[in-house]
C-alpha atoms as a PDB file:
ATOM      1  CA  MET A   1     129.190  98.133 165.804  1.00  0.00           C
ATOM      2  CA  SER A   2     132.116  98.138 168.199  1.00  0.00           C
ATOM      3  CA  GLU A   3     131.750  95.852 171.215  1.00  0.00           C
ATOM      4  CA  GLU A   4     131.892  98.676 173.708  1.00  0.00           C
ATOM      5  CA  ALA A   5     129.420 100.792 171.785  1.00  0.00           C
ATOM      6  CA  GLY A   6     126.594  99.789 174.089  1.00  0.00           C
ATOM      7  CA  SER A   7     123.056  99.392 172.840  1.00  0.00           C
ATOM      8  CA  ALA A   8     120.636 102.050 171.681  1.00  0.00           C
ATOM      9  CA  ASP A   9     117.080 101.865 172.929  1.00  0.00           C
ATOM     10  CA  GLY A  10     114.094 102.913 170.833  1.00  0.00           C
ATOM     11  CA  ASN A  11     114.859 106.588 171.402  1.00  0.00           C
ATOM     12  CA  GLY A  12     118.404 106.303 170.153  1.00  0.00           C
ATOM     13  CA  LYS A  13     119.748 106.730 173.702  1.00  0.00           C
ATOM     14  CA  VAL A  14     123.096 105.174 174.396  1.00  0.00           C
ATOM     15  CA  GLY A  15     123.473 103.829 177.905  1.00  0.00           C
ATOM     16  CA  ARG A  16     127.107 104.581 178.577  1.00  0.00           C
ATOM     17  CA  VAL A  17     129.691 107.307 178.829  1.00  0.00           C
ATOM     18  CA  ILE A  18     130.096 109.151 175.525  1.00  0.00           C
ATOM     19  CA  ARG A  19     133.560 110.640 175.056  1.00  0.00           C
ATOM     20  CA  ILE A  20     133.787 113.741 172.888  1.00  0.00           C
ATOM     21  CA  GLY A  21     137.121 114.760 171.350  1.00  0.00           C
ATOM     22  CA  THR A  22     137.983 118.410 170.744  1.00  0.00           C
ATOM     23  CA  ARG A  23     140.877 120.737 170.099  1.00  0.00           C
ATOM     24  CA  LYS A  24     142.007 122.572 173.209  1.00  0.00           C
ATOM     25  CA  SER A  25     141.569 126.169 172.037  1.00  0.00           C
ATOM     26  CA  GLN A  26     138.969 128.255 173.853  1.00  0.00           C
ATOM     27  CA  LEU A  27     136.802 128.506 170.730  1.00  0.00           C
ATOM     28  CA  ALA A  28     136.947 124.741 170.103  1.00  0.00           C
ATOM     29  CA  CYS A  29     135.962 124.078 173.722  1.00  0.00           C
ATOM     30  CA  ILE A  30     133.034 126.531 173.516  1.00  0.00           C
ATOM     31  CA  GLN A  31     131.856 124.851 170.297  1.00  0.00           C
ATOM     32  CA  THR A  32     132.173 121.381 171.798  1.00  0.00           C
ATOM     33  CA  ASP A  33     130.362 122.433 174.979  1.00  0.00           C
ATOM     34  CA  SER A  34     127.480 123.744 172.861  1.00  0.00           C
ATOM     35  CA  VAL A  35     127.140 120.367 171.123  1.00  0.00           C
ATOM     36  CA  ALA A  36     127.405 118.517 174.457  1.00  0.00           C
ATOM     37  CA  ASP A  37     124.657 120.748 175.907  1.00  0.00           C
ATOM     38  CA  MET A  38     122.336 119.944 172.989  1.00  0.00           C
ATOM     39  CA  LEU A  39     122.963 116.213 173.384  1.00  0.00           C
ATOM     40  CA  LYS A  40     122.319 116.407 177.148  1.00  0.00           C
ATOM     41  CA  GLN A  41     119.000 118.158 176.539  1.00  0.00           C
ATOM     42  CA  LEU A  42     117.954 115.563 173.971  1.00  0.00           C
ATOM     43  CA  TYR A  43     119.258 112.561 175.921  1.00  0.00           C
ATOM     44  CA  PRO A  44     119.236 113.387 179.654  1.00  0.00           C
ATOM     45  CA  ASP A  45     120.407 109.857 180.567  1.00  0.00           C
ATOM     46  CA  ILE A  46     123.746 109.945 178.790  1.00  0.00           C
ATOM     47  CA  HIS A  47     127.028 110.822 180.481  1.00  0.00           C
ATOM     48  CA  LEU A  48     129.407 112.965 178.479  1.00  0.00           C
ATOM     49  CA  GLU A  49     133.137 113.307 178.933  1.00  0.00           C
ATOM     50  CA  ILE A  50     135.062 115.926 176.943  1.00  0.00           C
ATOM     51  CA  ILE A  51     138.672 115.131 175.993  1.00  0.00           C
ATOM     52  CA  GLY A  52     140.865 117.986 174.705  1.00  0.00           C
ATOM     53  CA  MET A  53     143.877 117.423 172.456  1.00  0.00           C
ATOM     54  CA  SER A  54     146.363 119.441 170.407  1.00  0.00           C
ATOM     55  CA  THR A  55     146.584 119.071 166.627  1.00  0.00           C
ATOM     56  CA  THR A  56     149.414 119.721 164.173  1.00  0.00           C
ATOM     57  CA  GLY A  57     147.767 123.010 163.195  1.00  0.00           C
ATOM     58  CA  ASP A  58     147.730 124.097 166.843  1.00  0.00           C
ATOM     59  CA  LYS A  59     151.431 123.328 167.241  1.00  0.00           C
ATOM     60  CA  ILE A  60     152.874 124.885 164.071  1.00  0.00           C
ATOM     61  CA  LEU A  61     152.297 128.582 164.642  1.00  0.00           C
ATOM     62  CA  ASP A  62     155.117 130.169 162.662  1.00  0.00           C
ATOM     63  CA  THR A  63     154.076 129.011 159.187  1.00  0.00           C
ATOM     64  CA  ALA A  64     151.130 130.011 157.001  1.00  0.00           C
ATOM     65  CA  LEU A  65     148.545 127.219 156.885  1.00  0.00           C
ATOM     66  CA  SER A  66     148.679 127.170 153.091  1.00  0.00           C
ATOM     67  CA  LYS A  67     152.425 126.412 153.222  1.00  0.00           C
ATOM     68  CA  ILE A  68     152.248 123.400 155.534  1.00  0.00           C
ATOM     69  CA  GLY A  69     150.667 121.354 152.770  1.00  0.00           C
ATOM     70  CA  GLU A  70     148.646 119.023 154.989  1.00  0.00           C
ATOM     71  CA  LYS A  71     144.892 118.771 154.400  1.00  0.00           C
ATOM     72  CA  SER A  72     143.984 117.466 157.861  1.00  0.00           C
ATOM     73  CA  LEU A  73     145.964 119.973 159.944  1.00  0.00           C
ATOM     74  CA  PHE A  74     143.324 120.437 162.624  1.00  0.00           C
ATOM     75  CA  THR A  75     141.716 116.998 162.452  1.00  0.00           C
ATOM     76  CA  LYS A  76     144.288 114.198 162.177  1.00  0.00           C
ATOM     77  CA  GLU A  77     145.024 113.691 165.895  1.00  0.00           C
ATOM     78  CA  LEU A  78     141.306 113.801 166.686  1.00  0.00           C
ATOM     79  CA  GLU A  79     140.593 111.175 164.028  1.00  0.00           C
ATOM     80  CA  THR A  80     143.391 108.975 165.367  1.00  0.00           C
ATOM     81  CA  ALA A  81     141.693 109.049 168.795  1.00  0.00           C
ATOM     82  CA  LEU A  82     138.385 108.174 167.107  1.00  0.00           C
ATOM     83  CA  GLU A  83     140.008 105.282 165.250  1.00  0.00           C
ATOM     84  CA  ARG A  84     141.526 103.924 168.478  1.00  0.00           C
ATOM     85  CA  ASN A  85     138.162 104.093 170.279  1.00  0.00           C
ATOM     86  CA  GLU A  86     139.606 106.659 172.712  1.00  0.00           C
ATOM     87  CA  VAL A  87     136.700 108.980 171.858  1.00  0.00           C
ATOM     88  CA  ASP A  88     133.258 108.292 170.349  1.00  0.00           C
ATOM     89  CA  LEU A  89     132.668 111.505 168.465  1.00  0.00           C
ATOM     90  CA  VAL A  90     134.627 114.610 167.572  1.00  0.00           C
ATOM     91  CA  VAL A  91     133.402 118.188 167.153  1.00  0.00           C
ATOM     92  CA  HIS A  92     135.043 120.199 164.363  1.00  0.00           C
ATOM     93  CA  SER A  93     134.566 123.442 162.522  1.00  0.00           C
ATOM     94  CA  LEU A  94     133.301 121.978 159.243  1.00  0.00           C
ATOM     95  CA  LYS A  95     135.685 124.151 157.224  1.00  0.00           C
ATOM     96  CA  ASP A  96     138.629 122.294 158.847  1.00  0.00           C
ATOM     97  CA  LEU A  97     137.413 118.892 157.599  1.00  0.00           C
ATOM     98  CA  PRO A  98     138.805 117.710 154.244  1.00  0.00           C
ATOM     99  CA  THR A  99     136.190 116.900 151.599  1.00  0.00           C
ATOM    100  CA  THR A 100     137.363 113.269 151.586  1.00  0.00           C
ATOM    101  CA  LEU A 101     137.441 111.663 155.031  1.00  0.00           C
ATOM    102  CA  PRO A 102     139.638 108.691 155.950  1.00  0.00           C
ATOM    103  CA  PRO A 103     137.888 105.307 155.491  1.00  0.00           C
ATOM    104  CA  GLY A 104     135.649 104.344 158.385  1.00  0.00           C
ATOM    105  CA  PHE A 105     134.685 107.890 159.392  1.00  0.00           C
ATOM    106  CA  THR A 106     131.667 110.004 158.557  1.00  0.00           C
ATOM    107  CA  ILE A 107     130.145 113.367 159.455  1.00  0.00           C
ATOM    108  CA  GLY A 108     127.087 112.329 161.450  1.00  0.00           C
ATOM    109  CA  ALA A 109     125.769 115.850 162.074  1.00  0.00           C
ATOM    110  CA  VAL A 110     126.097 119.297 160.509  1.00  0.00           C
ATOM    111  CA  LEU A 111     124.583 121.838 162.885  1.00  0.00           C
ATOM    112  CA  LYS A 112     122.693 125.014 162.038  1.00  0.00           C
ATOM    113  CA  ARG A 113     125.119 127.463 160.542  1.00  0.00           C
ATOM    114  CA  GLU A 114     126.203 130.617 162.333  1.00  0.00           C
ATOM    115  CA  ASN A 115     126.847 133.693 160.144  1.00  0.00           C
ATOM    116  CA  PRO A 116     129.325 132.309 157.571  1.00  0.00           C
ATOM    117  CA  HIS A 117     130.766 135.670 156.486  1.00  0.00           C
ATOM    118  CA  ASP A 118     134.154 137.160 157.304  1.00  0.00           C
ATOM    119  CA  ALA A 119     134.504 140.068 159.700  1.00  0.00           C
ATOM    120  CA  VAL A 120     136.901 142.998 159.899  1.00  0.00           C
ATOM    121  CA  VAL A 121     138.371 143.621 163.349  1.00  0.00           C
ATOM    122  CA  LEU A 122     140.134 146.989 163.514  1.00  0.00           C
ATOM    123  CA  HIS A 123     143.087 148.072 165.606  1.00  0.00           C
ATOM    124  CA  PRO A 124     141.625 150.234 168.423  1.00  0.00           C
ATOM    125  CA  LYS A 125     143.099 153.388 166.837  1.00  0.00           C
ATOM    126  CA  ASN A 126     141.152 152.719 163.599  1.00  0.00           C
ATOM    127  CA  VAL A 127     137.724 152.099 165.120  1.00  0.00           C
ATOM    128  CA  GLY A 128     135.077 153.875 163.059  1.00  0.00           C
ATOM    129  CA  LYS A 129     136.848 153.211 159.757  1.00  0.00           C
ATOM    130  CA  THR A 130     136.138 150.503 157.150  1.00  0.00           C
ATOM    131  CA  LEU A 131     138.493 148.731 154.732  1.00  0.00           C
ATOM    132  CA  ASP A 132     137.474 151.301 152.119  1.00  0.00           C
ATOM    133  CA  ASN A 133     138.769 154.298 154.045  1.00  0.00           C
ATOM    134  CA  LEU A 134     141.816 152.891 155.862  1.00  0.00           C
ATOM    135  CA  PRO A 135     144.988 154.816 154.899  1.00  0.00           C
ATOM    136  CA  GLU A 136     147.032 153.767 151.848  1.00  0.00           C
ATOM    137  CA  ASN A 137     149.332 150.740 152.499  1.00  0.00           C
ATOM    138  CA  SER A 138     147.603 149.828 155.767  1.00  0.00           C
ATOM    139  CA  VAL A 139     148.546 146.257 156.653  1.00  0.00           C
ATOM    140  CA  ILE A 140     145.694 143.738 157.040  1.00  0.00           C
ATOM    141  CA  GLY A 141     146.372 140.422 158.802  1.00  0.00           C
ATOM    142  CA  THR A 142     144.943 137.202 157.397  1.00  0.00           C
ATOM    143  CA  SER A 143     146.333 133.691 157.094  1.00  0.00           C
ATOM    144  CA  SER A 144     143.840 132.797 154.360  1.00  0.00           C
ATOM    145  CA  LEU A 145     144.779 132.845 150.659  1.00  0.00           C
ATOM    146  CA  ARG A 146     141.054 133.015 149.861  1.00  0.00           C
ATOM    147  CA  ARG A 147     140.539 136.207 151.860  1.00  0.00           C
ATOM    148  CA  ALA A 148     143.743 137.839 150.650  1.00  0.00           C
ATOM    149  CA  ALA A 149     143.044 137.113 146.964  1.00  0.00           C
ATOM    150  CA  GLN A 150     139.548 138.622 147.065  1.00  0.00           C
ATOM    151  CA  LEU A 151     140.447 141.603 149.219  1.00  0.00           C
ATOM    152  CA  LYS A 152     143.610 142.522 147.248  1.00  0.00           C
ATOM    153  CA  LYS A 153     141.451 142.879 144.163  1.00  0.00           C
ATOM    154  CA  ARG A 154     138.665 144.730 145.963  1.00  0.00           C
ATOM    155  CA  PHE A 155     140.908 147.013 148.101  1.00  0.00           C
ATOM    156  CA  PRO A 156     144.107 147.595 146.092  1.00  0.00           C
ATOM    157  CA  HIS A 157     145.285 150.350 148.472  1.00  0.00           C
ATOM    158  CA  LEU A 158     145.800 147.822 151.300  1.00  0.00           C
ATOM    159  CA  GLU A 159     148.600 145.350 152.027  1.00  0.00           C
ATOM    160  CA  PHE A 160     148.048 141.819 153.318  1.00  0.00           C
ATOM    161  CA  LYS A 161     150.291 139.819 155.633  1.00  0.00           C
ATOM    162  CA  ASP A 162     150.021 136.412 157.322  1.00  0.00           C
ATOM    163  CA  ILE A 163     148.873 136.244 160.926  1.00  0.00           C
ATOM    164  CA  ARG A 164     148.646 132.885 162.723  1.00  0.00           C
ATOM    165  CA  GLY A 165     147.427 131.657 166.088  1.00  0.00           C
ATOM    166  CA  ASN A 166     144.037 131.054 167.646  1.00  0.00           C
ATOM    167  CA  LEU A 167     141.487 133.866 167.979  1.00  0.00           C
ATOM    168  CA  ASN A 168     142.844 135.072 171.324  1.00  0.00           C
ATOM    169  CA  THR A 169     146.422 135.170 169.979  1.00  0.00           C
ATOM    170  CA  ARG A 170     145.495 137.032 166.807  1.00  0.00           C
ATOM    171  CA  LEU A 171     143.460 139.657 168.647  1.00  0.00           C
ATOM    172  CA  LYS A 172     146.358 140.151 171.054  1.00  0.00           C
ATOM    173  CA  LYS A 173     148.788 140.609 168.143  1.00  0.00           C
ATOM    174  CA  LEU A 174     146.417 143.195 166.660  1.00  0.00           C
ATOM    175  CA  ASP A 175     145.745 145.156 169.853  1.00  0.00           C
ATOM    176  CA  GLU A 176     149.157 145.178 171.497  1.00  0.00           C
ATOM    177  CA  LYS A 177     151.357 145.952 168.491  1.00  0.00           C
ATOM    178  CA  GLU A 178     151.252 148.390 165.612  1.00  0.00           C
ATOM    179  CA  ASP A 179     151.891 145.736 162.946  1.00  0.00           C
ATOM    180  CA  PHE A 180     148.322 145.530 161.668  1.00  0.00           C
ATOM    181  CA  ALA A 181     145.644 148.139 160.941  1.00  0.00           C
ATOM    182  CA  ALA A 182     143.021 145.367 161.014  1.00  0.00           C
ATOM    183  CA  ILE A 183     142.655 141.606 160.816  1.00  0.00           C
ATOM    184  CA  ILE A 184     140.077 139.451 159.047  1.00  0.00           C
ATOM    185  CA  LEU A 185     138.405 136.675 161.029  1.00  0.00           C
ATOM    186  CA  ALA A 186     135.347 134.467 160.639  1.00  0.00           C
ATOM    187  CA  ALA A 187     132.341 136.242 162.162  1.00  0.00           C
ATOM    188  CA  ALA A 188     131.086 132.879 163.489  1.00  0.00           C
ATOM    189  CA  GLY A 189     134.087 132.359 165.771  1.00  0.00           C
ATOM    190  CA  LEU A 190     133.885 135.880 167.194  1.00  0.00           C
ATOM    191  CA  ARG A 191     130.166 135.444 167.887  1.00  0.00           C
ATOM    192  CA  ARG A 192     130.620 132.082 169.571  1.00  0.00           C
ATOM    193  CA  MET A 193     133.303 133.604 171.803  1.00  0.00           C
ATOM    194  CA  GLY A 194     130.862 136.374 172.754  1.00  0.00           C
ATOM    195  CA  TRP A 195     133.037 139.014 171.073  1.00  0.00           C
ATOM    196  CA  ASP A 196     130.418 140.518 168.768  1.00  0.00           C
ATOM    197  CA  ASN A 197     131.561 143.950 169.944  1.00  0.00           C
ATOM    198  CA  ARG A 198     134.909 143.430 168.150  1.00  0.00           C
ATOM    199  CA  ILE A 199     133.202 143.063 164.768  1.00  0.00           C
ATOM    200  CA  ASN A 200     133.639 146.417 163.030  1.00  0.00           C
ATOM    201  CA  GLN A 201     132.451 145.343 159.593  1.00  0.00           C
ATOM    202  CA  ILE A 202     130.878 142.211 158.085  1.00  0.00           C
ATOM    203  CA  LEU A 203     132.137 141.499 154.564  1.00  0.00           C
ATOM    204  CA  GLY A 204     129.272 140.679 152.195  1.00  0.00           C
ATOM    205  CA  PRO A 205     129.680 138.392 149.163  1.00  0.00           C
ATOM    206  CA  GLU A 206     130.480 141.361 146.912  1.00  0.00           C
ATOM    207  CA  ASP A 207     133.618 142.006 149.025  1.00  0.00           C
ATOM    208  CA  CYS A 208     134.617 138.526 150.152  1.00  0.00           C
ATOM    209  CA  MET A 209     132.879 135.192 149.696  1.00  0.00           C
ATOM    210  CA  TYR A 210     133.440 132.640 152.451  1.00  0.00           C
ATOM    211  CA  ALA A 211     135.214 129.290 152.791  1.00  0.00           C
ATOM    212  CA  VAL A 212     133.458 125.985 152.172  1.00  0.00           C
ATOM    213  CA  GLY A 213     131.598 124.984 155.342  1.00  0.00           C
ATOM    214  CA  GLN A 214     132.470 128.213 157.163  1.00  0.00           C
ATOM    215  CA  GLY A 215     130.260 128.916 160.193  1.00  0.00           C
ATOM    216  CA  ALA A 216     128.980 125.321 160.516  1.00  0.00           C
ATOM    217  CA  LEU A 217     129.944 122.782 163.180  1.00  0.00           C
ATOM    218  CA  ALA A 218     130.350 119.118 162.272  1.00  0.00           C
ATOM    219  CA  VAL A 219     130.241 116.010 164.441  1.00  0.00           C
ATOM    220  CA  GLU A 220     132.503 113.252 163.098  1.00  0.00           C
ATOM    221  CA  VAL A 221     131.900 109.644 164.165  1.00  0.00           C
ATOM    222  CA  ARG A 222     132.944 106.104 163.254  1.00  0.00           C
ATOM    223  CA  ALA A 223     130.750 105.111 160.312  1.00  0.00           C
ATOM    224  CA  ARG A 224     130.090 101.647 161.783  1.00  0.00           C
ATOM    225  CA  ASP A 225     128.742 103.015 165.101  1.00  0.00           C
ATOM    226  CA  ALA A 226     125.060 102.940 164.180  1.00  0.00           C
ATOM    227  CA  ASP A 227     123.952 103.919 167.702  1.00  0.00           C
ATOM    228  CA  ILE A 228     126.179 107.004 167.876  1.00  0.00           C
ATOM    229  CA  LEU A 229     125.225 107.957 164.299  1.00  0.00           C
ATOM    230  CA  GLU A 230     121.552 107.699 165.225  1.00  0.00           C
ATOM    231  CA  MET A 231     122.081 109.730 168.390  1.00  0.00           C
ATOM    232  CA  VAL A 232     123.880 112.668 166.729  1.00  0.00           C
ATOM    233  CA  SER A 233     121.745 112.651 163.554  1.00  0.00           C
ATOM    234  CA  VAL A 234     119.022 114.705 165.292  1.00  0.00           C
ATOM    235  CA  LEU A 235     121.498 117.621 165.384  1.00  0.00           C
ATOM    236  CA  HIS A 236     121.493 117.892 161.575  1.00  0.00           C
ATOM    237  CA  HIS A 237     120.071 121.174 160.222  1.00  0.00           C
ATOM    238  CA  SER A 238     118.542 120.412 156.833  1.00  0.00           C
ATOM    239  CA  ASP A 239     119.307 123.662 154.951  1.00  0.00           C
ATOM    240  CA  THR A 240     122.847 123.786 156.343  1.00  0.00           C
ATOM    241  CA  VAL A 241     123.432 120.147 155.335  1.00  0.00           C
ATOM    242  CA  LEU A 242     122.303 120.775 151.752  1.00  0.00           C
ATOM    243  CA  ARG A 243     124.293 124.006 151.442  1.00  0.00           C
ATOM    244  CA  CYS A 244     127.436 122.369 152.801  1.00  0.00           C
ATOM    245  CA  ILE A 245     127.090 119.238 150.643  1.00  0.00           C
ATOM    246  CA  ALA A 246     126.951 121.512 147.569  1.00  0.00           C
ATOM    247  CA  GLU A 247     129.935 123.543 148.782  1.00  0.00           C
ATOM    248  CA  ARG A 248     132.023 120.464 149.654  1.00  0.00           C
ATOM    249  CA  ALA A 249     131.215 118.764 146.321  1.00  0.00           C
ATOM    250  CA  PHE A 250     132.301 121.949 144.517  1.00  0.00           C
ATOM    251  CA  LEU A 251     135.598 122.067 146.425  1.00  0.00           C
ATOM    252  CA  ARG A 252     136.286 118.341 146.065  1.00  0.00           C
ATOM    253  CA  ARG A 253     135.814 118.459 142.289  1.00  0.00           C
ATOM    254  CA  LEU A 254     138.232 121.402 142.091  1.00  0.00           C
ATOM    255  CA  GLU A 255     140.697 119.519 144.335  1.00  0.00           C
ATOM    256  CA  GLY A 256     140.954 122.640 146.462  1.00  0.00           C
ATOM    257  CA  GLY A 257     142.186 122.983 150.036  1.00  0.00           C
ATOM    258  CA  CYS A 258     144.056 125.467 152.189  1.00  0.00           C
ATOM    259  CA  SER A 259     146.652 126.000 149.479  1.00  0.00           C
ATOM    260  CA  VAL A 260     144.367 127.491 146.827  1.00  0.00           C
ATOM    261  CA  PRO A 261     141.923 130.427 146.841  1.00  0.00           C
ATOM    262  CA  VAL A 262     138.433 128.938 146.435  1.00  0.00           C
ATOM    263  CA  ALA A 263     135.335 130.736 147.779  1.00  0.00           C
ATOM    264  CA  VAL A 264     131.597 130.081 147.877  1.00  0.00           C
ATOM    265  CA  HIS A 265     128.253 131.612 148.757  1.00  0.00           C
ATOM    266  CA  THR A 266     125.064 129.554 149.178  1.00  0.00           C
ATOM    267  CA  GLU A 267     121.447 130.348 149.844  1.00  0.00           C
ATOM    268  CA  VAL A 268     118.202 128.400 150.181  1.00  0.00           C
ATOM    269  CA  LYS A 269     115.217 130.379 148.930  1.00  0.00           C
ATOM    270  CA  ASP A 270     111.775 129.213 147.800  1.00  0.00           C
ATOM    271  CA  SER A 271     112.867 125.551 147.709  1.00  0.00           C
ATOM    272  CA  GLN A 272     115.817 126.434 145.493  1.00  0.00           C
ATOM    273  CA  LEU A 273     119.448 125.999 146.490  1.00  0.00           C
ATOM    274  CA  TYR A 274     121.720 128.666 144.997  1.00  0.00           C
ATOM    275  CA  LEU A 275     125.478 128.140 144.854  1.00  0.00           C
ATOM    276  CA  THR A 276     127.980 130.770 143.790  1.00  0.00           C
ATOM    277  CA  GLY A 277     131.549 129.544 143.531  1.00  0.00           C
ATOM    278  CA  ALA A 278     134.776 131.229 142.547  1.00  0.00           C
ATOM    279  CA  VAL A 279     138.484 130.562 142.088  1.00  0.00           C
ATOM    280  CA  TYR A 280     141.178 133.235 142.232  1.00  0.00           C
ATOM    281  CA  SER A 281     144.818 133.798 141.436  1.00  0.00           C
ATOM    282  CA  LEU A 282     146.880 134.638 144.545  1.00  0.00           C
ATOM    283  CA  ASP A 283     146.690 138.387 143.888  1.00  0.00           C
ATOM    284  CA  GLY A 284     143.027 138.225 142.849  1.00  0.00           C
ATOM    285  CA  SER A 285     143.747 139.664 139.387  1.00  0.00           C
ATOM    286  CA  ASP A 286     142.570 136.514 137.649  1.00  0.00           C
ATOM    287  CA  SER A 287     139.282 134.926 138.718  1.00  0.00           C
ATOM    288  CA  LEU A 288     136.293 132.906 137.597  1.00  0.00           C
ATOM    289  CA  LYS A 289     132.920 133.140 139.296  1.00  0.00           C
ATOM    290  CA  GLU A 290     129.562 131.574 138.418  1.00  0.00           C
ATOM    291  CA  THR A 291     126.194 130.870 140.046  1.00  0.00           C
ATOM    292  CA  MET A 292     123.902 127.884 139.564  1.00  0.00           C
ATOM    293  CA  GLN A 293     120.743 126.666 141.272  1.00  0.00           C
ATOM    294  CA  THR A 294     118.719 123.503 141.781  1.00  0.00           C
ATOM    295  CA  SER A 295     115.377 122.538 143.274  1.00  0.00           C
ATOM    296  CA  ILE A 296     115.607 120.779 146.629  1.00  0.00           C
ATOM    297  CA  VAL A 297     111.983 119.685 146.784  1.00  0.00           C
ATOM    298  CA  ALA A 298     112.045 115.905 147.018  1.00  0.00           C
ATOM    299  CA  ASN A 299     109.528 113.674 145.296  1.00  0.00           C
ATOM    300  CA  ASN A 300     110.720 110.649 147.211  1.00  0.00           C
ATOM    301  CA  LYS A 301     109.906 111.091 150.896  1.00  0.00           C
ATOM    302  CA  SER A 302     111.207 107.771 152.243  1.00  0.00           C
ATOM    303  CA  PRO A 303     114.459 108.105 154.202  1.00  0.00           C
ATOM    304  CA  GLU A 304     117.294 105.699 153.438  1.00  0.00           C
ATOM    305  CA  GLU A 305     118.704 103.183 155.823  1.00  0.00           C
ATOM    306  CA  VAL A 306     121.852 104.386 157.579  1.00  0.00           C
ATOM    307  CA  ASP A 307     124.642 102.880 155.550  1.00  0.00           C
ATOM    308  CA  GLU A 308     128.303 103.767 155.254  1.00  0.00           C
ATOM    309  CA  GLN A 309     127.848 103.764 151.481  1.00  0.00           C
ATOM    310  CA  VAL A 310     125.300 106.602 151.640  1.00  0.00           C
ATOM    311  CA  GLN A 311     127.823 109.313 152.331  1.00  0.00           C
ATOM    312  CA  ARG A 312     127.885 112.462 150.293  1.00  0.00           C
ATOM    313  CA  VAL A 313     131.225 114.268 150.487  1.00  0.00           C
ATOM    314  CA  GLY A 314     131.716 112.675 153.883  1.00  0.00           C
ATOM    315  CA  VAL A 315     128.240 113.469 155.254  1.00  0.00           C
ATOM    316  CA  THR A 316     125.735 110.838 156.418  1.00  0.00           C
ATOM    317  CA  ALA A 317     122.253 112.341 156.830  1.00  0.00           C
ATOM    318  CA  SER A 318     119.733 109.514 156.628  1.00  0.00           C
ATOM    319  CA  LYS A 319     116.827 111.643 157.911  1.00  0.00           C
ATOM    320  CA  ILE A 320     117.156 114.226 155.136  1.00  0.00           C
ATOM    321  CA  SER A 321     115.791 113.424 151.660  1.00  0.00           C
ATOM    322  CA  GLY A 322     118.401 111.481 149.707  1.00  0.00           C
ATOM    323  CA  GLU A 323     117.092 113.044 146.511  1.00  0.00           C
ATOM    324  CA  ALA A 324     117.641 116.577 147.849  1.00  0.00           C
ATOM    325  CA  GLN A 325     121.154 115.615 148.983  1.00  0.00           C
ATOM    326  CA  ASP A 326     121.922 114.138 145.557  1.00  0.00           C
ATOM    327  CA  ARG A 327     120.772 117.337 143.886  1.00  0.00           C
ATOM    328  CA  ALA A 328     122.907 119.450 146.207  1.00  0.00           C
ATOM    329  CA  GLU A 329     125.953 117.298 145.448  1.00  0.00           C
ATOM    330  CA  ARG A 330     125.250 117.424 141.723  1.00  0.00           C
ATOM    331  CA  LEU A 331     124.946 121.225 141.910  1.00  0.00           C
ATOM    332  CA  GLY A 332     128.434 121.467 143.419  1.00  0.00           C
ATOM    333  CA  LEU A 333     129.887 119.150 140.775  1.00  0.00           C
ATOM    334  CA  ASP A 334     128.137 120.941 137.915  1.00  0.00           C
ATOM    335  CA  LEU A 335     129.343 124.352 139.055  1.00  0.00           C
ATOM    336  CA  ALA A 336     132.909 123.084 139.471  1.00  0.00           C
ATOM    337  CA  ASN A 337     132.787 121.511 135.999  1.00  0.00           C
ATOM    338  CA  LEU A 338     131.537 124.793 134.548  1.00  0.00           C
ATOM    339  CA  LEU A 339     134.475 126.685 136.098  1.00  0.00           C
ATOM    340  CA  LEU A 340     136.917 123.961 135.009  1.00  0.00           C
ATOM    341  CA  SER A 341     135.641 124.294 131.433  1.00  0.00           C
ATOM    342  CA  LYS A 342     136.484 128.007 131.608  1.00  0.00           C
ATOM    343  CA  GLY A 343     140.039 127.511 132.861  1.00  0.00           C
ATOM    344  CA  ALA A 344     139.770 127.124 136.644  1.00  0.00           C
ATOM    345  CA  LYS A 345     142.382 124.345 136.735  1.00  0.00           C
ATOM    346  CA  GLU A 346     145.004 126.624 135.204  1.00  0.00           C
ATOM    347  CA  ILE A 347     144.284 129.430 137.688  1.00  0.00           C
ATOM    348  CA  LEU A 348     144.483 127.048 140.652  1.00  0.00           C
ATOM    349  CA  THR A 349     147.616 125.271 139.382  1.00  0.00           C
ATOM    350  CA  VAL A 350     149.462 128.577 139.066  1.00  0.00           C
ATOM    351  CA  ALA A 351     148.179 129.696 142.486  1.00  0.00           C
ATOM    352  CA  ARG A 352     149.415 126.440 144.040  1.00  0.00           C
ATOM    353  CA  GLN A 353     152.836 126.709 142.366  1.00  0.00           C
ATOM    354  CA  LEU A 354     153.284 130.358 143.372  1.00  0.00           C
ATOM    355  CA  ASN A 355     152.226 129.595 146.928  1.00  0.00           C
ATOM    356  CA  ASP A 356     154.695 126.691 147.130  1.00  0.00           C
ATOM    357  CA  ALA A 357     157.467 128.959 145.859  1.00  0.00           C
ATOM    358  CA  ARG A 358     156.796 131.762 148.364  1.00  0.00           C
END
């Protein structure tokens, strides 16, 4: 435990100022405030200080994310601050966090997931339409290879072009110009911003499966800070943790990231965890998709000790059954191995090469 970490009392309270790192965008600040509010309710005695910072991904706005070739675009600067003890915890969108974290860090909390699906936001002149009935060659804005690959296949009459910037910037580009008929955004971000009224259509799994971890917030901490880990661990949402461990294990085994189209869909139903995973060529013409399931009922009820070694795809969740977490991780690996046995590596290698050459 770091010297300045302070001591936790029996309730896991930390008697000092807790500094929370966040990106500076409006959405990131809203997400961080929501986590801070939960911590304040749980631990009224703590003092929280929020520190905003810009990341590489925030600064490079003229290049598609998939072309920058850096896995920790939105997280590196925040993790540097964590490493230097300038902040004590960092709030991220889980989908921005690589499946392998730098040594010494762990995800100490995965919060209850917001709607993980993608949403269609139409140009004001197209309100009332859906992707199905937009005119031929309408241009749809998305910076995600995953979205473009699935939607090109599903809606061949549409064209897809990159659009970068934070939510505010992208909506402005849509509304104030005639470049795009619609843009695709994560429903979770729009909801957290209070912009539900801009959601014209939610894309179900048959149209577009979502990104690994999409819709979930993650709190990253130093793995050695047992008091901070204990404090944030109460924010874990069990079903979301298990779903996201399966999704992250699937992605890690496929060695996927921003530069390849990988999509998932998970569900917990009747003590079963269902994972559907897919890989796509850039134009969506070639794809592999499978579903597997596992039981998440644990026979062993005793929680493990918090230990840096007990991380599953970067997540430490000592209060959730280790057996259930192991099964979730195994499900992700098994599904990835099934797709790899059917040729997923070839599809992803070609997608990566084509993307690099664009």
